[in-house]
C-alpha atoms as a PDB file:
ATOM      1  CA  UNK A   1     -20.531 -46.934 135.955  1.00  0.00           C
ATOM      2  CA  UNK A   2     -18.644 -43.847 137.589  1.00  0.00           C
ATOM      3  CA  UNK A   3     -18.275 -44.113 140.874  1.00  0.00           C
ATOM      4  CA  UNK A   4     -19.572 -40.696 143.039  1.00  0.00           C
ATOM      5  CA  UNK A   5     -17.732 -41.271 146.209  1.00  0.00           C
ATOM      6  CA  UNK A   6     -14.433 -42.252 145.181  1.00  0.00           C
ATOM      7  CA  UNK A   7     -13.018 -41.447 148.931  1.00  0.00           C
ATOM      8  CA  UNK A   8     -15.429 -43.128 150.372  1.00  0.00           C
ATOM      9  CA  UNK A   9     -14.332 -46.014 152.289  1.00  0.00           C
ATOM     10  CA  UNK A  10     -15.661 -49.427 151.624  1.00  0.00           C
ATOM     11  CA  UNK A  11     -17.047 -49.815 155.155  1.00  0.00           C
ATOM     12  CA  UNK A  12     -19.114 -47.335 155.015  1.00  0.00           C
ATOM     13  CA  UNK A  13     -21.462 -48.583 151.872  1.00  0.00           C
ATOM     14  CA  UNK A  14     -22.415 -51.539 154.846  1.00  0.00           C
ATOM     15  CA  UNK A  15     -23.452 -48.746 157.914  1.00  0.00           C
ATOM     16  CA  UNK A  16     -27.480 -48.217 157.348  1.00  0.00           C
ATOM     17  CA  UNK A  17     -28.380 -44.632 156.603  1.00  0.00           C
ATOM     18  CA  UNK A  18     -29.870 -44.323 159.488  1.00  0.00           C
ATOM     19  CA  UNK A  19     -26.985 -45.581 161.824  1.00  0.00           C
ATOM     20  CA  UNK A  20     -25.027 -43.241 159.688  1.00  0.00           C
ATOM     21  CA  UNK A  21     -26.670 -40.570 160.535  1.00  0.00           C
ATOM     22  CA  UNK A  22     -26.565 -40.929 164.303  1.00  0.00           C
ATOM     23  CA  UNK A  23     -22.889 -41.205 164.082  1.00  0.00           C
ATOM     24  CA  UNK A  24     -22.222 -37.812 161.839  1.00  0.00           C
ATOM     25  CA  UNK A  25     -24.856 -36.130 164.268  1.00  0.00           C
ATOM     26  CA  UNK A  26     -22.889 -37.021 167.120  1.00  0.00           C
ATOM     27  CA  UNK A  27     -19.510 -36.302 165.633  1.00  0.00           C
ATOM     28  CA  UNK A  28     -20.242 -32.785 165.050  1.00  0.00           C
ATOM     29  CA  UNK A  29     -22.210 -32.348 168.367  1.00  0.00           C
ATOM     30  CA  UNK A  30     -19.127 -33.632 169.832  1.00  0.00           C
ATOM     31  CA  UNK A  31     -16.773 -31.175 167.992  1.00  0.00           C
ATOM     32  CA  UNK A  32     -19.564 -28.219 168.670  1.00  0.00           C
ATOM     33  CA  UNK A  33     -19.563 -28.732 172.344  1.00  0.00           C
ATOM     34  CA  UNK A  34     -16.897 -31.165 173.669  1.00  0.00           C
ATOM     35  CA  UNK A  35     -14.182 -29.462 171.142  1.00  0.00           C
ATOM     36  CA  UNK A  36     -14.027 -26.220 172.578  1.00  0.00           C
ATOM     37  CA  UNK A  37     -13.789 -27.707 176.239  1.00  0.00           C
ATOM     38  CA  UNK A  38     -10.585 -29.376 175.664  1.00  0.00           C
ATOM     39  CA  UNK A  39      -9.320 -26.698 173.606  1.00  0.00           C
ATOM     40  CA  UNK A  40     -10.224 -24.219 176.367  1.00  0.00           C
ATOM     41  CA  UNK A  41      -8.070 -25.883 178.868  1.00  0.00           C
ATOM     42  CA  UNK A  42      -8.928 -25.206 183.106  1.00  0.00           C
ATOM     43  CA  UNK A  43     -11.593 -22.900 183.218  1.00  0.00           C
ATOM     44  CA  UNK A  44     -12.149 -19.479 185.484  1.00  0.00           C
ATOM     45  CA  UNK A  45     -10.372 -19.700 188.965  1.00  0.00           C
ATOM     46  CA  UNK A  46     -12.740 -20.523 191.983  1.00  0.00           C
ATOM     47  CA  UNK A  47     -12.778 -16.740 194.367  1.00  0.00           C
ATOM     48  CA  UNK A  48     -10.955 -18.834 197.083  1.00  0.00           C
ATOM     49  CA  UNK A  49      -8.548 -19.940 194.466  1.00  0.00           C
ATOM     50  CA  UNK A  50      -7.117 -16.386 193.149  1.00  0.00           C
ATOM     51  CA  UNK A  51      -6.583 -12.738 195.044  1.00  0.00           C
ATOM     52  CA  UNK A  52      -9.711 -10.310 194.499  1.00  0.00           C
ATOM     53  CA  UNK A  53      -7.717  -9.076 191.476  1.00  0.00           C
ATOM     54  CA  UNK A  54      -7.148 -12.504 190.190  1.00  0.00           C
ATOM     55  CA  UNK A  55      -3.450 -12.984 191.285  1.00  0.00           C
ATOM     56  CA  UNK A  56      -2.148 -16.259 192.186  1.00  0.00           C
ATOM     57  CA  UNK A  57      -2.119 -17.317 195.642  1.00  0.00           C
ATOM     58  CA  UNK A  58      -0.224 -20.304 197.245  1.00  0.00           C
ATOM     59  CA  UNK A  59      -3.082 -21.880 199.884  1.00  0.00           C
ATOM     60  CA  UNK A  60      -3.700 -25.494 198.874  1.00  0.00           C
ATOM     61  CA  UNK A  61      -6.586 -23.792 196.948  1.00  0.00           C
ATOM     62  CA  UNK A  62      -4.276 -21.658 195.514  1.00  0.00           C
ATOM     63  CA  UNK A  63      -1.866 -24.168 194.305  1.00  0.00           C
ATOM     64  CA  UNK A  64      -4.371 -26.843 193.488  1.00  0.00           C
ATOM     65  CA  UNK A  65      -5.696 -24.232 190.523  1.00  0.00           C
ATOM     66  CA  UNK A  66      -1.692 -23.301 189.670  1.00  0.00           C
ATOM     67  CA  UNK A  67      -1.125 -27.112 189.111  1.00  0.00           C
ATOM     68  CA  UNK A  68      -4.449 -27.338 186.857  1.00  0.00           C
ATOM     69  CA  UNK A  69      -3.978 -24.231 184.893  1.00  0.00           C
ATOM     70  CA  UNK A  70      -0.355 -24.050 184.787  1.00  0.00           C
ATOM     71  CA  UNK A  71      -0.532 -20.304 184.309  1.00  0.00           C
ATOM     72  CA  UNK A  72       0.998 -18.658 187.797  1.00  0.00           C
ATOM     73  CA  UNK A  73       0.510 -14.533 188.053  1.00  0.00           C
ATOM     74  CA  UNK A  74       2.595 -12.542 190.602  1.00  0.00           C
ATOM     75  CA  UNK A  75       1.820  -9.130 191.396  1.00  0.00           C
ATOM     76  CA  UNK A  76       4.856  -7.213 192.101  1.00  0.00           C
ATOM     77  CA  UNK A  77       3.863  -3.680 191.255  1.00  0.00           C
ATOM     78  CA  UNK A  78       3.444  -2.371 195.258  1.00  0.00           C
ATOM     79  CA  UNK A  79       6.464  -3.490 197.479  1.00  0.00           C
ATOM     80  CA  UNK A  80       6.708  -4.570 199.822  1.00  0.00           C
ATOM     81  CA  UNK A  81       4.612  -8.059 199.311  1.00  0.00           C
ATOM     82  CA  UNK A  82       3.256  -9.292 201.986  1.00  0.00           C
ATOM     83  CA  UNK A  83       4.061 -13.484 201.974  1.00  0.00           C
ATOM     84  CA  UNK A  84       0.595 -13.824 204.432  1.00  0.00           C
ATOM     85  CA  UNK A  85      -1.764 -12.667 201.683  1.00  0.00           C
ATOM     86  CA  UNK A  86      -0.171 -14.520 199.360  1.00  0.00           C
ATOM     87  CA  UNK A  87      -0.630 -17.421 201.119  1.00  0.00           C
ATOM     88  CA  UNK A  88       3.492 -18.256 201.987  1.00  0.00           C
ATOM     89  CA  UNK A  89       4.939 -18.906 205.225  1.00  0.00           C
ATOM     90  CA  UNK A  90       6.143 -15.553 207.480  1.00  0.00           C
ATOM     91  CA  UNK A  91       9.965 -17.161 207.346  1.00  0.00           C
ATOM     92  CA  UNK A  92      10.391 -19.865 204.464  1.00  0.00           C
ATOM     93  CA  UNK A  93       9.941 -20.756 201.258  1.00  0.00           C
ATOM     94  CA  UNK A  94       7.795 -22.915 199.036  1.00  0.00           C
ATOM     95  CA  UNK A  95       8.514 -24.822 195.739  1.00  0.00           C
ATOM     96  CA  UNK A  96       6.028 -25.029 192.906  1.00  0.00           C
ATOM     97  CA  UNK A  97       6.906 -28.080 190.343  1.00  0.00           C
ATOM     98  CA  UNK A  98       8.014 -29.722 188.539  1.00  0.00           C
ATOM     99  CA  UNK A  99       4.520 -30.657 187.315  1.00  0.00           C
ATOM    100  CA  UNK A 100       3.097 -34.238 187.060  1.00  0.00           C
ATOM    101  CA  UNK A 101       3.188 -33.780 183.470  1.00  0.00           C
ATOM    102  CA  UNK A 102       6.356 -32.933 182.771  1.00  0.00           C
ATOM    103  CA  UNK A 103       5.250 -29.539 181.452  1.00  0.00           C
ATOM    104  CA  UNK A 104       6.593 -26.057 182.153  1.00  0.00           C
ATOM    105  CA  UNK A 105       4.742 -23.672 184.217  1.00  0.00           C
ATOM    106  CA  UNK A 106       4.012 -20.225 182.189  1.00  0.00           C
ATOM    107  CA  UNK A 107       5.523 -17.685 185.194  1.00  0.00           C
ATOM    108  CA  UNK A 108       4.073 -14.210 184.640  1.00  0.00           C
ATOM    109  CA  UNK A 109       5.504 -11.192 186.901  1.00  0.00           C
ATOM    110  CA  UNK A 110       4.004  -7.888 186.749  1.00  0.00           C
ATOM    111  CA  UNK A 111       6.234  -5.053 188.093  1.00  0.00           C
ATOM    112  CA  UNK A 112       6.396  -1.326 188.422  1.00  0.00           C
ATOM    113  CA  UNK A 113       3.146   0.494 186.738  1.00  0.00           C
ATOM    114  CA  UNK A 114       5.477   2.669 184.846  1.00  0.00           C
ATOM    115  CA  UNK A 115       7.120  -0.255 182.769  1.00  0.00           C
ATOM    116  CA  UNK A 116       4.409  -1.899 180.805  1.00  0.00           C
ATOM    117  CA  UNK A 117       6.720  -4.800 179.752  1.00  0.00           C
ATOM    118  CA  UNK A 118       6.682  -7.307 183.282  1.00  0.00           C
ATOM    119  CA  UNK A 119       8.514 -10.727 182.652  1.00  0.00           C
ATOM    120  CA  UNK A 120       7.550 -13.979 181.625  1.00  0.00           C
ATOM    121  CA  UNK A 121       9.411 -16.867 182.278  1.00  0.00           C
ATOM    122  CA  UNK A 122       8.520 -20.572 181.050  1.00  0.00           C
ATOM    123  CA  UNK A 123      10.184 -22.692 183.987  1.00  0.00           C
ATOM    124  CA  UNK A 124       9.855 -26.459 185.566  1.00  0.00           C
ATOM    125  CA  UNK A 125      10.091 -24.895 188.748  1.00  0.00           C
ATOM    126  CA  UNK A 126      10.047 -22.141 190.887  1.00  0.00           C
ATOM    127  CA  UNK A 127      10.445 -20.917 194.422  1.00  0.00           C
ATOM    128  CA  UNK A 128       9.351 -18.446 196.315  1.00  0.00           C
ATOM    129  CA  UNK A 129      11.191 -16.851 199.752  1.00  0.00           C
ATOM    130  CA  UNK A 130       9.535 -15.014 202.360  1.00  0.00           C
ATOM    131  CA  UNK A 131      11.505 -13.555 205.106  1.00  0.00           C
ATOM    132  CA  UNK A 132       9.637 -11.253 208.404  1.00  0.00           C
ATOM    133  CA  UNK A 133       6.691 -11.394 206.368  1.00  0.00           C
ATOM    134  CA  UNK A 134       7.869 -10.129 202.953  1.00  0.00           C
ATOM    135  CA  UNK A 135       8.446 -11.765 199.936  1.00  0.00           C
ATOM    136  CA  UNK A 136      12.098 -11.409 199.400  1.00  0.00           C
ATOM    137  CA  UNK A 137      12.631 -13.216 196.447  1.00  0.00           C
ATOM    138  CA  UNK A 138      11.329 -15.446 193.415  1.00  0.00           C
ATOM    139  CA  UNK A 139      14.321 -18.289 191.961  1.00  0.00           C
ATOM    140  CA  UNK A 140      12.656 -19.054 188.612  1.00  0.00           C
ATOM    141  CA  UNK A 141      14.653 -22.434 187.278  1.00  0.00           C
ATOM    142  CA  UNK A 142      15.170 -22.895 183.842  1.00  0.00           C
ATOM    143  CA  UNK A 143      15.620 -26.056 181.724  1.00  0.00           C
ATOM    144  CA  UNK A 144      18.658 -24.803 180.122  1.00  0.00           C
ATOM    145  CA  UNK A 145      22.365 -26.458 180.238  1.00  0.00           C
ATOM    146  CA  UNK A 146      24.864 -26.054 177.736  1.00  0.00           C
ATOM    147  CA  UNK A 147      28.606 -25.140 177.318  1.00  0.00           C
ATOM    148  CA  UNK A 148      30.132 -21.853 179.140  1.00  0.00           C
ATOM    149  CA  UNK A 149      30.049 -20.482 175.511  1.00  0.00           C
ATOM    150  CA  UNK A 150      26.442 -21.091 174.918  1.00  0.00           C
ATOM    151  CA  UNK A 151      25.315 -19.806 178.355  1.00  0.00           C
ATOM    152  CA  UNK A 152      26.668 -16.915 177.405  1.00  0.00           C
ATOM    153  CA  UNK A 153      24.456 -16.452 174.278  1.00  0.00           C
ATOM    154  CA  UNK A 154      21.711 -17.491 176.278  1.00  0.00           C
ATOM    155  CA  UNK A 155      21.652 -15.044 179.031  1.00  0.00           C
ATOM    156  CA  UNK A 156      22.450 -11.799 176.600  1.00  0.00           C
ATOM    157  CA  UNK A 157      19.797 -13.241 174.755  1.00  0.00           C
ATOM    158  CA  UNK A 158      17.310 -12.150 177.496  1.00  0.00           C
ATOM    159  CA  UNK A 159      19.823  -9.189 178.541  1.00  0.00           C
ATOM    160  CA  UNK A 160      17.721  -6.513 176.628  1.00  0.00           C
ATOM    161  CA  UNK A 161      14.639  -7.741 178.154  1.00  0.00           C
ATOM    162  CA  UNK A 162      15.711  -7.565 181.958  1.00  0.00           C
ATOM    163  CA  UNK A 163      18.495  -4.970 181.828  1.00  0.00           C
ATOM    164  CA  UNK A 164      21.151  -7.117 183.299  1.00  0.00           C
ATOM    165  CA  UNK A 165      24.676  -7.392 182.177  1.00  0.00           C
ATOM    166  CA  UNK A 166      25.499 -10.708 181.301  1.00  0.00           C
ATOM    167  CA  UNK A 167      28.863 -12.393 182.816  1.00  0.00           C
ATOM    168  CA  UNK A 168      31.542 -12.481 180.417  1.00  0.00           C
ATOM    169  CA  UNK A 169      32.633 -15.909 178.344  1.00  0.00           C
ATOM    170  CA  UNK A 170      35.756 -15.044 180.567  1.00  0.00           C
ATOM    171  CA  UNK A 171      34.155 -15.263 183.793  1.00  0.00           C
ATOM    172  CA  UNK A 172      32.211 -18.403 182.665  1.00  0.00           C
ATOM    173  CA  UNK A 173      35.054 -20.048 181.772  1.00  0.00           C
ATOM    174  CA  UNK A 174      36.735 -19.829 184.839  1.00  0.00           C
ATOM    175  CA  UNK A 175      33.724 -20.884 186.742  1.00  0.00           C
ATOM    176  CA  UNK A 176      34.273 -24.188 184.800  1.00  0.00           C
ATOM    177  CA  UNK A 177      38.022 -24.386 185.552  1.00  0.00           C
ATOM    178  CA  UNK A 178      37.079 -23.536 189.165  1.00  0.00           C
ATOM    179  CA  UNK A 179      34.261 -26.363 189.276  1.00  0.00           C
ATOM    180  CA  UNK A 180      36.624 -28.786 188.435  1.00  0.00           C
ATOM    181  CA  UNK A 181      39.455 -27.712 190.341  1.00  0.00           C
ATOM    182  CA  UNK A 182      37.277 -27.780 193.563  1.00  0.00           C
ATOM    183  CA  UNK A 183      35.193 -30.605 192.698  1.00  0.00           C
ATOM    184  CA  UNK A 184      32.184 -28.418 193.052  1.00  0.00           C
ATOM    185  CA  UNK A 185      29.854 -26.195 191.320  1.00  0.00           C
ATOM    186  CA  UNK A 186      30.852 -22.274 190.586  1.00  0.00           C
ATOM    187  CA  UNK A 187      28.442 -19.702 190.602  1.00  0.00           C
ATOM    188  CA  UNK A 188      28.583 -16.379 188.351  1.00  0.00           C
ATOM    189  CA  UNK A 189      26.064 -13.658 188.679  1.00  0.00           C
ATOM    190  CA  UNK A 190      25.013 -11.087 186.731  1.00  0.00           C
ATOM    191  CA  UNK A 191      24.084  -7.234 188.052  1.00  0.00           C
ATOM    192  CA  UNK A 192      20.363  -6.654 188.405  1.00  0.00           C
ATOM    193  CA  UNK A 193      18.461  -5.428 185.822  1.00  0.00           C
ATOM    194  CA  UNK A 194      15.269  -3.431 186.293  1.00  0.00           C
ATOM    195  CA  UNK A 195      14.273  -2.964 182.789  1.00  0.00           C
ATOM    196  CA  UNK A 196      11.197  -5.307 183.333  1.00  0.00           C
ATOM    197  CA  UNK A 197      10.241  -3.658 186.073  1.00  0.00           C
ATOM    198  CA  UNK A 198      11.097  -5.670 188.326  1.00  0.00           C
ATOM    199  CA  UNK A 199      14.885  -6.675 189.573  1.00  0.00           C
ATOM    200  CA  UNK A 200      16.282  -9.472 187.728  1.00  0.00           C
ATOM    201  CA  UNK A 201      19.283 -11.610 188.198  1.00  0.00           C
ATOM    202  CA  UNK A 202      21.274 -14.274 185.830  1.00  0.00           C
ATOM    203  CA  UNK A 203      22.793 -17.147 188.045  1.00  0.00           C
ATOM    204  CA  UNK A 204      24.742 -19.211 186.269  1.00  0.00           C
ATOM    205  CA  UNK A 205      26.143 -22.337 188.001  1.00  0.00           C
ATOM    206  CA  UNK A 206      29.362 -24.225 186.235  1.00  0.00           C
ATOM    207  CA  UNK A 207      30.279 -27.953 186.531  1.00  0.00           C
ATOM    208  CA  UNK A 208      33.287 -29.299 186.537  1.00  0.00           C
ATOM    209  CA  UNK A 209      32.374 -31.549 183.261  1.00  0.00           C
ATOM    210  CA  UNK A 210      32.328 -28.492 181.495  1.00  0.00           C
ATOM    211  CA  UNK A 211      28.622 -27.479 181.465  1.00  0.00           C
ATOM    212  CA  UNK A 212      26.588 -24.794 182.808  1.00  0.00           C
ATOM    213  CA  UNK A 213      22.436 -24.427 183.958  1.00  0.00           C
ATOM    214  CA  UNK A 214      20.714 -20.862 184.016  1.00  0.00           C
ATOM    215  CA  UNK A 215      18.372 -19.550 187.098  1.00  0.00           C
ATOM    216  CA  UNK A 216      16.771 -16.363 187.589  1.00  0.00           C
ATOM    217  CA  UNK A 217      16.607 -14.490 190.631  1.00  0.00           C
ATOM    218  CA  UNK A 218      13.624 -11.630 190.688  1.00  0.00           C
ATOM    219  CA  UNK A 219      13.243  -9.091 192.999  1.00  0.00           C
ATOM    220  CA  UNK A 220      10.461  -6.235 193.433  1.00  0.00           C
ATOM    221  CA  UNK A 221      12.110  -3.296 191.801  1.00  0.00           C
ATOM    222  CA  UNK A 222      12.336  -1.168 194.822  1.00  0.00           C
ATOM    223  CA  UNK A 223      15.031  -2.139 197.342  1.00  0.00           C
END
């Protein structure tokens, strides 16, 4: 006799029809109700977790939402940026990250309104520094660590987005040599690019072992 359900597991035949129907309804119900909740991630922020325009703030409540969503958004379009309005100290630094899960933050920086692109970084941690009540800079770490030649390629890849001129391979090779000779890391920086509507400097730190790491320093476009 031909099996009408050739792909059905044998154990299904042992489940009474009524119970099987309940299981199917429960699974479908979870897919319709629970599934989208899992896929959607954190819900909308509470009003005390963001600004009135839905930008990130760095108070305790704001940081809790940032840790939940991992999508900090900072408006740099109208400098000077008031540090206290962002929940930052008048003078000092605040570092966000690393995240407990080890995942990156999706950091969005909005700059000059005349430039539509802004800047997007995937970062394990970033540091905001305020001086005299004004946000001075955002230091954005990356996970990049490679040879000086690969570092040159990495910095060059984002140069069109940010508008900076990458350090040359000769400069980076010399930084590795200097680090080896001195026993201390050597730092090389690009010029300040403004293509994204914010000021972006690529900072490369090279080590005597022959590898370099990459960090970006972001400032408001004016100044």
